Amino acid sequence: MTKKIYLIRHAEGYHNVNENYHLFNPELTPKGHQQILEKKEGLKKIKFNKIFVSPLTRTLQTATCLFGKVDMIALEEIREIICNPCDLRIPLTESVLEFPHVNFSLIIKNIDDFDKDNLIKENDYKKEERILYVDNMLRSLDATHIAIVTHGAFIEHFMEFIHNKKYVFLNNCETIILDY
């Protein structure tokens, strides 16, 4: 059975405007919401069996606006590569209230492991470990259409590490479709 994986980069967040990477867990801009409206039409025809989403606010907003308040699964492993305060998340106790349709049970820690005041860039080993986990999970799923709403750097590293492809960094709300 061939699976189609839709890697979707989140819509424009406030950190994407003028490279404001110092912003903590930014939300989507009005332009980001417009990008979603444009993307939504093309995805309507697809019946997704599974939707995975990064636990950062901008991806949760993107996924919810794209697909509605349907069942989704939050995965820590598909979050942004940690480099800046914009790559950090709020406690899950807050996310659960704002996004009750998202299952956060696979994320063990309520509070982010990373400290915005003493930010240490994520190392290559940790990135590769996350990417391998996602690849193995995708291969084991009994689903034909899987959406993953994630981040540009994660997609770039995923494509390079798993698929040996140097990928051009995606624009906001852009999608790569993979056959698995």
C-alpha atoms as a PDB file:
ATOM      1  CA  MET A   1       0.000   0.000   0.000  1.00  0.00           C
ATOM      2  CA  THR A   2       1.474   3.336  -1.051  1.00  0.00           C
ATOM      3  CA  LYS A   3       1.164   6.117   1.466  1.00  0.00           C
ATOM      4  CA  LYS A   4       1.100   9.782   0.638  1.00  0.00           C
ATOM      5  CA  ILE A   5       2.757  12.004   3.214  1.00  0.00           C
ATOM      6  CA  TYR A   6       1.942  15.704   3.035  1.00  0.00           C
ATOM      7  CA  LEU A   7       4.641  17.753   4.768  1.00  0.00           C
ATOM      8  CA  ILE A   8       3.060  21.168   5.292  1.00  0.00           C
ATOM      9  CA  ARG A   9       5.060  24.126   6.549  1.00  0.00           C
ATOM     10  CA  HIS A  10       3.088  26.383   8.899  1.00  0.00           C
ATOM     11  CA  ALA A  11       1.620  29.644   7.617  1.00  0.00           C
ATOM     12  CA  GLU A  12       3.417  32.928   8.261  1.00  0.00           C
ATOM     13  CA  GLY A  13       4.042  33.660  11.926  1.00  0.00           C
ATOM     14  CA  TYR A  14       5.110  36.953  13.447  1.00  0.00           C
ATOM     15  CA  HIS A  15       8.672  35.636  13.765  1.00  0.00           C
ATOM     16  CA  ASN A  16       8.824  35.275   9.951  1.00  0.00           C
ATOM     17  CA  VAL A  17       8.254  39.007   9.518  1.00  0.00           C
ATOM     18  CA  ASN A  18      11.633  40.764   9.516  1.00  0.00           C
ATOM     19  CA  GLU A  19      13.258  37.652  11.052  1.00  0.00           C
ATOM     20  CA  ASN A  20      11.910  38.340  14.561  1.00  0.00           C
ATOM     21  CA  TYR A  21      13.266  35.045  15.905  1.00  0.00           C
ATOM     22  CA  HIS A  22      13.492  36.439  19.438  1.00  0.00           C
ATOM     23  CA  LEU A  23       9.684  36.248  19.774  1.00  0.00           C
ATOM     24  CA  PHE A  24       8.534  33.415  22.043  1.00  0.00           C
ATOM     25  CA  ASN A  25       6.167  30.891  20.394  1.00  0.00           C
ATOM     26  CA  PRO A  26       4.644  33.407  17.950  1.00  0.00           C
ATOM     27  CA  GLU A  27       1.148  33.201  16.509  1.00  0.00           C
ATOM     28  CA  LEU A  28       0.125  33.556  12.870  1.00  0.00           C
ATOM     29  CA  THR A  29      -0.059  36.919  11.120  1.00  0.00           C
ATOM     30  CA  PRO A  30      -3.087  38.072   9.088  1.00  0.00           C
ATOM     31  CA  LYS A  31      -1.054  37.162   5.985  1.00  0.00           C
ATOM     32  CA  GLY A  32      -0.612  33.670   7.468  1.00  0.00           C
ATOM     33  CA  HIS A  33      -4.380  33.298   7.803  1.00  0.00           C
ATOM     34  CA  GLN A  34      -4.757  34.381   4.163  1.00  0.00           C
ATOM     35  CA  GLN A  35      -2.183  31.759   3.105  1.00  0.00           C
ATOM     36  CA  ILE A  36      -4.278  29.109   4.842  1.00  0.00           C
ATOM     37  CA  LEU A  37      -7.435  30.156   2.992  1.00  0.00           C
ATOM     38  CA  GLU A  38      -5.561  29.775  -0.298  1.00  0.00           C
ATOM     39  CA  LYS A  39      -4.076  26.368   0.671  1.00  0.00           C
ATOM     40  CA  LYS A  40      -7.292  24.966   2.152  1.00  0.00           C
ATOM     41  CA  GLU A  41      -9.075  24.633  -1.184  1.00  0.00           C
ATOM     42  CA  GLY A  42      -6.482  22.234  -2.599  1.00  0.00           C
ATOM     43  CA  LEU A  43      -6.517  20.027   0.505  1.00  0.00           C
ATOM     44  CA  LYS A  44     -10.332  19.753   0.763  1.00  0.00           C
ATOM     45  CA  LYS A  45     -10.467  16.889  -1.740  1.00  0.00           C
ATOM     46  CA  ILE A  46      -8.071  14.696   0.232  1.00  0.00           C
ATOM     47  CA  LYS A  47      -9.358  12.347   2.921  1.00  0.00           C
ATOM     48  CA  PHE A  48      -6.602  12.357   5.539  1.00  0.00           C
ATOM     49  CA  ASN A  49      -6.430   9.262   7.752  1.00  0.00           C
ATOM     50  CA  LYS A  50      -4.018  10.908  10.199  1.00  0.00           C
ATOM     51  CA  ILE A  51      -3.036  14.476  10.948  1.00  0.00           C
ATOM     52  CA  PHE A  52       0.075  15.164  13.002  1.00  0.00           C
ATOM     53  CA  VAL A  53       0.987  18.621  14.223  1.00  0.00           C
ATOM     54  CA  SER A  54       3.921  20.222  15.993  1.00  0.00           C
ATOM     55  CA  PRO A  55       2.978  21.498  19.488  1.00  0.00           C
ATOM     56  CA  LEU A  56       4.010  25.100  18.726  1.00  0.00           C
ATOM     57  CA  THR A  57       1.182  27.620  18.505  1.00  0.00           C
ATOM     58  CA  ARG A  58       1.751  28.585  14.857  1.00  0.00           C
ATOM     59  CA  THR A  59       1.491  24.963  13.673  1.00  0.00           C
ATOM     60  CA  LEU A  60      -1.534  24.256  15.859  1.00  0.00           C
ATOM     61  CA  GLN A  61      -3.230  27.345  14.409  1.00  0.00           C
ATOM     62  CA  THR A  62      -2.266  26.372  10.856  1.00  0.00           C
ATOM     63  CA  ALA A  63      -3.547  22.792  11.209  1.00  0.00           C
ATOM     64  CA  THR A  64      -6.782  23.869  12.890  1.00  0.00           C
ATOM     65  CA  CYS A  65      -7.514  26.509  10.244  1.00  0.00           C
ATOM     66  CA  LEU A  66      -6.634  24.110   7.397  1.00  0.00           C
ATOM     67  CA  PHE A  67      -8.559  21.050   8.579  1.00  0.00           C
ATOM     68  CA  GLY A  68     -11.050  22.331  11.143  1.00  0.00           C
ATOM     69  CA  LYS A  69     -11.430  20.982  14.644  1.00  0.00           C
ATOM     70  CA  VAL A  70     -10.891  17.345  13.677  1.00  0.00           C
ATOM     71  CA  ASP A  71      -8.818  14.801  15.573  1.00  0.00           C
ATOM     72  CA  MET A  72      -5.107  15.584  15.395  1.00  0.00           C
ATOM     73  CA  ILE A  73      -2.076  14.244  17.201  1.00  0.00           C
ATOM     74  CA  ALA A  74       0.611  16.560  18.548  1.00  0.00           C
ATOM     75  CA  LEU A  75       4.156  15.226  18.220  1.00  0.00           C
ATOM     76  CA  GLU A  76       7.168  16.780  19.914  1.00  0.00           C
ATOM     77  CA  GLU A  77       9.406  15.078  17.332  1.00  0.00           C
ATOM     78  CA  ILE A  78       8.118  17.238  14.451  1.00  0.00           C
ATOM     79  CA  ARG A  79       8.613  20.559  16.178  1.00  0.00           C
ATOM     80  CA  GLU A  80      11.059  23.136  14.864  1.00  0.00           C
ATOM     81  CA  ILE A  81      14.804  22.572  15.138  1.00  0.00           C
ATOM     82  CA  ILE A  82      15.690  24.433  18.342  1.00  0.00           C
ATOM     83  CA  CYS A  83      17.748  27.565  17.667  1.00  0.00           C
ATOM     84  CA  ASN A  84      15.755  30.575  18.911  1.00  0.00           C
ATOM     85  CA  PRO A  85      13.003  31.600  21.365  1.00  0.00           C
ATOM     86  CA  CYS A  86      10.458  31.368  18.513  1.00  0.00           C
ATOM     87  CA  ASP A  87      11.146  27.596  18.461  1.00  0.00           C
ATOM     88  CA  LEU A  88       9.902  27.064  22.024  1.00  0.00           C
ATOM     89  CA  ARG A  89       6.391  26.132  23.141  1.00  0.00           C
ATOM     90  CA  ILE A  90       3.996  27.083  25.891  1.00  0.00           C
ATOM     91  CA  PRO A  91       3.068  24.502  28.579  1.00  0.00           C
ATOM     92  CA  LEU A  92       0.715  21.794  27.332  1.00  0.00           C
ATOM     93  CA  THR A  93      -1.816  22.717  30.008  1.00  0.00           C
ATOM     94  CA  GLU A  94      -2.343  25.955  28.043  1.00  0.00           C
ATOM     95  CA  SER A  95      -2.335  24.327  24.586  1.00  0.00           C
ATOM     96  CA  VAL A  96      -4.972  21.768  25.624  1.00  0.00           C
ATOM     97  CA  LEU A  97      -7.384  24.559  26.537  1.00  0.00           C
ATOM     98  CA  GLU A  98      -6.947  26.393  23.237  1.00  0.00           C
ATOM     99  CA  PHE A  99      -6.850  23.263  21.042  1.00  0.00           C
ATOM    100  CA  PRO A 100      -9.092  20.632  22.714  1.00  0.00           C
ATOM    101  CA  HIS A 101      -9.405  18.644  19.449  1.00  0.00           C
ATOM    102  CA  VAL A 102      -5.657  17.889  19.508  1.00  0.00           C
ATOM    103  CA  ASN A 103      -4.386  14.810  21.323  1.00  0.00           C
ATOM    104  CA  PHE A 104      -1.282  15.833  23.306  1.00  0.00           C
ATOM    105  CA  SER A 105      -0.887  12.496  25.123  1.00  0.00           C
ATOM    106  CA  LEU A 106       2.282  11.472  23.234  1.00  0.00           C
ATOM    107  CA  ILE A 107       4.142  14.468  24.668  1.00  0.00           C
ATOM    108  CA  ILE A 108       5.503  13.531  28.051  1.00  0.00           C
ATOM    109  CA  LYS A 109       6.484  16.881  29.541  1.00  0.00           C
ATOM    110  CA  ASN A 110       4.059  19.709  30.207  1.00  0.00           C
ATOM    111  CA  ILE A 111       6.865  22.278  30.322  1.00  0.00           C
ATOM    112  CA  ASP A 112       9.284  22.637  27.412  1.00  0.00           C
ATOM    113  CA  ASP A 113      12.714  21.086  28.000  1.00  0.00           C
ATOM    114  CA  PHE A 114      14.354  24.181  26.598  1.00  0.00           C
ATOM    115  CA  ASP A 115      14.802  27.399  28.559  1.00  0.00           C
ATOM    116  CA  LYS A 116      14.315  30.624  26.589  1.00  0.00           C
ATOM    117  CA  ASP A 117      16.702  32.489  28.895  1.00  0.00           C
ATOM    118  CA  ASN A 118      19.526  29.937  28.530  1.00  0.00           C
ATOM    119  CA  LEU A 119      18.825  28.627  25.051  1.00  0.00           C
ATOM    120  CA  ILE A 120      21.174  25.903  23.857  1.00  0.00           C
ATOM    121  CA  LYS A 121      20.966  25.053  20.160  1.00  0.00           C
ATOM    122  CA  GLU A 122      19.761  21.512  19.467  1.00  0.00           C
ATOM    123  CA  ASN A 123      22.617  19.207  18.431  1.00  0.00           C
ATOM    124  CA  ASP A 124      22.747  17.094  15.257  1.00  0.00           C
ATOM    125  CA  TYR A 125      22.377  13.802  17.149  1.00  0.00           C
ATOM    126  CA  LYS A 126      19.108  14.946  18.747  1.00  0.00           C
ATOM    127  CA  LYS A 127      17.765  16.187  15.374  1.00  0.00           C
ATOM    128  CA  GLU A 128      18.614  12.888  13.673  1.00  0.00           C
ATOM    129  CA  GLU A 129      17.052  10.911  16.511  1.00  0.00           C
ATOM    130  CA  ARG A 130      13.776  12.822  16.069  1.00  0.00           C
ATOM    131  CA  ILE A 131      13.850  12.449  12.287  1.00  0.00           C
ATOM    132  CA  LEU A 132      14.429   8.679  12.495  1.00  0.00           C
ATOM    133  CA  TYR A 133      11.559   8.345  14.966  1.00  0.00           C
ATOM    134  CA  VAL A 134       9.203  10.154  12.566  1.00  0.00           C
ATOM    135  CA  ASP A 135      10.374   8.107   9.577  1.00  0.00           C
ATOM    136  CA  ASN A 136       9.852   4.807  11.446  1.00  0.00           C
ATOM    137  CA  MET A 137       6.457   5.928  12.697  1.00  0.00           C
ATOM    138  CA  LEU A 138       5.327   6.880   9.175  1.00  0.00           C
ATOM    139  CA  ARG A 139       6.452   3.531   7.779  1.00  0.00           C
ATOM    140  CA  SER A 140       4.540   1.640  10.484  1.00  0.00           C
ATOM    141  CA  LEU A 141       1.229   3.482  10.109  1.00  0.00           C
ATOM    142  CA  ASP A 142      -1.701   1.801   8.424  1.00  0.00           C
ATOM    143  CA  ALA A 143      -2.896   4.943   6.654  1.00  0.00           C
ATOM    144  CA  THR A 144      -2.877   6.168   3.065  1.00  0.00           C
ATOM    145  CA  HIS A 145      -3.007   9.963   3.436  1.00  0.00           C
ATOM    146  CA  ILE A 146      -1.057  11.514   6.295  1.00  0.00           C
ATOM    147  CA  ALA A 147      -0.709  15.256   6.914  1.00  0.00           C
ATOM    148  CA  ILE A 148       2.170  16.600   8.980  1.00  0.00           C
ATOM    149  CA  VAL A 149       1.958  20.282   9.860  1.00  0.00           C
ATOM    150  CA  THR A 150       5.450  21.266  10.880  1.00  0.00           C
ATOM    151  CA  HIS A 151       8.292  23.729  10.287  1.00  0.00           C
ATOM    152  CA  GLY A 152      10.627  24.661   7.453  1.00  0.00           C
ATOM    153  CA  ALA A 153      13.878  23.589   9.104  1.00  0.00           C
ATOM    154  CA  PHE A 154      12.384  20.264  10.212  1.00  0.00           C
ATOM    155  CA  ILE A 155      11.225  19.535   6.649  1.00  0.00           C
ATOM    156  CA  GLU A 156      14.606  20.539   5.250  1.00  0.00           C
ATOM    157  CA  HIS A 157      16.513  18.235   7.644  1.00  0.00           C
ATOM    158  CA  PHE A 158      13.989  15.412   7.163  1.00  0.00           C
ATOM    159  CA  MET A 159      14.378  15.540   3.381  1.00  0.00           C
ATOM    160  CA  GLU A 160      18.175  15.654   3.566  1.00  0.00           C
ATOM    161  CA  PHE A 161      18.585  12.927   6.198  1.00  0.00           C
ATOM    162  CA  ILE A 162      15.889  10.437   5.129  1.00  0.00           C
ATOM    163  CA  HIS A 163      15.527  11.096   1.421  1.00  0.00           C
ATOM    164  CA  ASN A 164      19.069  12.302   0.621  1.00  0.00           C
ATOM    165  CA  LYS A 165      17.660  15.340  -1.155  1.00  0.00           C
ATOM    166  CA  LYS A 166      18.921  18.865  -0.764  1.00  0.00           C
ATOM    167  CA  TYR A 167      15.645  20.695  -0.506  1.00  0.00           C
ATOM    168  CA  VAL A 168      14.905  24.323  -1.088  1.00  0.00           C
ATOM    169  CA  PHE A 169      13.491  25.828   2.093  1.00  0.00           C
ATOM    170  CA  LEU A 170       9.694  25.894   1.743  1.00  0.00           C
ATOM    171  CA  ASN A 171       7.655  29.062   1.763  1.00  0.00           C
ATOM    172  CA  ASN A 172       5.056  29.426   4.487  1.00  0.00           C
ATOM    173  CA  CYS A 173       2.069  27.105   3.970  1.00  0.00           C
ATOM    174  CA  GLU A 174       3.844  25.251   1.157  1.00  0.00           C
ATOM    175  CA  THR A 175       3.602  21.438   0.890  1.00  0.00           C
ATOM    176  CA  ILE A 176       5.851  18.578  -0.187  1.00  0.00           C
ATOM    177  CA  ILE A 177       4.091  15.301  -1.047  1.00  0.00           C
ATOM    178  CA  LEU A 178       6.057  12.087  -0.537  1.00  0.00           C
ATOM    179  CA  ASP A 179       5.252   8.512  -1.510  1.00  0.00           C
ATOM    180  CA  TYR A 180       6.079   6.038   1.267  1.00  0.00           C
END
